[in-house]
């Protein structure tokens, strides 16, 4: 039985755990990790800030026109809170360097 174990282990070391194969797999994994971390989240964040700012501006215009003021003010407060959470105008503006 020990001889059979030795043969299997030798085969694994020679054929399966080949240094070139291991190096290729590790390099591929590192490439995946570095590619994923290079995704810049700022463009999506800027787009979301811009969208919420546009909604806020439309709500302000609706409030100024006198339409259903209480509901509009509530919606406006919600947009302002969202902008604060996203780091909008008070924290940073779209396309600015943080």
Protein backbone atom coordinates (compact mmCIF):
# COMPACT_ATOMS: atom_id res chain seq x y z
CA UNK A 1 0.00 0.00 0.00
CA UNK A 2 2.84 2.39 0.78
CA UNK A 3 4.26 1.79 -2.69
CA UNK A 4 0.92 2.69 -4.27
CA UNK A 5 0.70 5.87 -2.16
CA UNK A 6 4.20 6.84 -3.23
CA UNK A 7 3.34 6.33 -6.90
CA UNK A 8 0.16 8.43 -6.60
CA UNK A 9 1.97 11.21 -4.73
CA UNK A 10 4.80 11.19 -7.28
CA UNK A 11 2.28 11.43 -10.12
CA UNK A 12 0.50 14.34 -8.43
CA UNK A 13 3.74 16.20 -7.87
CA UNK A 14 4.94 15.58 -11.42
CA UNK A 15 1.72 16.09 -13.38
CA UNK A 16 -0.85 17.98 -11.34
CA UNK A 17 1.22 20.31 -9.21
CA UNK A 18 3.45 21.39 -12.06
CA UNK A 19 5.09 24.76 -11.25
CA UNK A 20 4.12 26.22 -14.62
CA UNK A 21 0.46 25.29 -14.11
CA UNK A 22 0.42 26.68 -10.57
CA UNK A 23 2.14 29.89 -11.70
CA UNK A 24 -0.35 30.31 -14.55
CA UNK A 25 -3.33 29.83 -12.23
CA UNK A 26 -1.95 32.25 -9.62
CA UNK A 27 -1.16 34.86 -12.29
CA UNK A 28 -4.70 34.52 -13.68
CA UNK A 29 -6.21 34.94 -10.23
CA UNK A 30 -4.10 38.02 -9.57
CA UNK A 31 -5.15 39.51 -12.92
CA UNK A 32 -8.82 39.01 -12.00
CA UNK A 33 -8.34 40.67 -8.64
CA UNK A 34 -6.48 43.66 -10.04
CA UNK A 35 -8.99 44.12 -12.88
CA UNK A 36 -11.92 44.16 -10.46
CA UNK A 37 -10.27 46.72 -8.21
CA UNK A 38 -9.56 49.07 -11.14
CA UNK A 39 -13.25 49.81 -11.70
CA UNK A 40 -13.80 53.49 -10.91
CA UNK A 41 -17.05 53.98 -8.95
CA UNK A 42 -17.05 57.77 -9.44
CA UNK A 43 -18.81 57.91 -12.83
CA UNK A 44 -21.79 55.93 -11.50
CA UNK A 45 -21.85 58.02 -8.33
CA UNK A 46 -21.68 61.25 -10.34
CA UNK A 47 -24.56 60.07 -12.54
CA UNK A 48 -26.67 59.23 -9.48
CA UNK A 49 -25.92 62.63 -7.90
CA UNK A 50 -26.84 64.37 -11.15
CA UNK A 51 -30.11 62.39 -11.39
CA UNK A 52 -31.12 63.25 -7.82
CA UNK A 53 -30.16 66.91 -8.33
CA UNK A 54 -32.41 67.05 -11.40
CA UNK A 55 -35.27 65.50 -9.42
CA UNK A 56 -34.68 68.02 -6.64
CA UNK A 57 -34.68 70.92 -9.11
CA UNK A 58 -37.99 69.75 -10.61
CA UNK A 59 -39.48 69.47 -7.12
CA UNK A 60 -38.33 72.99 -6.26
CA UNK A 61 -39.96 74.26 -9.44
CA UNK A 62 -43.18 72.43 -8.54
CA UNK A 63 -43.14 73.91 -5.01
CA UNK A 64 -42.65 77.38 -6.45
CA UNK A 65 -45.63 76.84 -8.74
CA UNK A 66 -47.79 76.08 -5.69
CA UNK A 67 -48.75 72.48 -6.52
CA UNK A 68 -49.40 70.11 -3.55
CA UNK A 69 -46.75 71.82 -1.45
CA UNK A 70 -46.71 69.43 1.53
CA UNK A 71 -46.11 66.33 -0.58
CA UNK A 72 -43.53 68.11 -2.70
CA UNK A 73 -41.64 69.40 0.34
CA UNK A 74 -41.49 65.85 1.72
CA UNK A 75 -40.13 64.56 -1.58
CA UNK A 76 -37.65 67.44 -1.68
CA UNK A 77 -36.40 66.58 1.81
CA UNK A 78 -35.94 62.97 0.71
CA UNK A 79 -33.83 64.04 -2.30
CA UNK A 80 -31.70 66.31 -0.10
CA UNK A 81 -31.09 63.42 2.30
CA UNK A 82 -30.13 61.18 -0.62
CA UNK A 83 -27.69 63.80 -1.93
CA UNK A 84 -26.16 64.11 1.52
CA UNK A 85 -25.72 60.33 1.67
CA UNK A 86 -24.16 60.24 -1.81
CA UNK A 87 -21.84 63.13 -1.00
CA UNK A 88 -23.66 65.51 -3.30
CA UNK A 89 -23.34 69.31 -3.44
CA UNK A 90 -22.50 69.77 0.23
CA UNK A 91 -19.75 67.12 0.07
CA UNK A 92 -18.62 67.22 -3.54
CA UNK A 93 -20.02 68.06 -6.93
CA UNK A 94 -20.12 65.75 -9.93
CA UNK A 95 -16.85 65.54 -11.83
CA UNK A 96 -14.90 67.26 -9.04
CA UNK A 97 -11.83 65.70 -7.54
CA UNK A 98 -12.57 64.36 -4.06
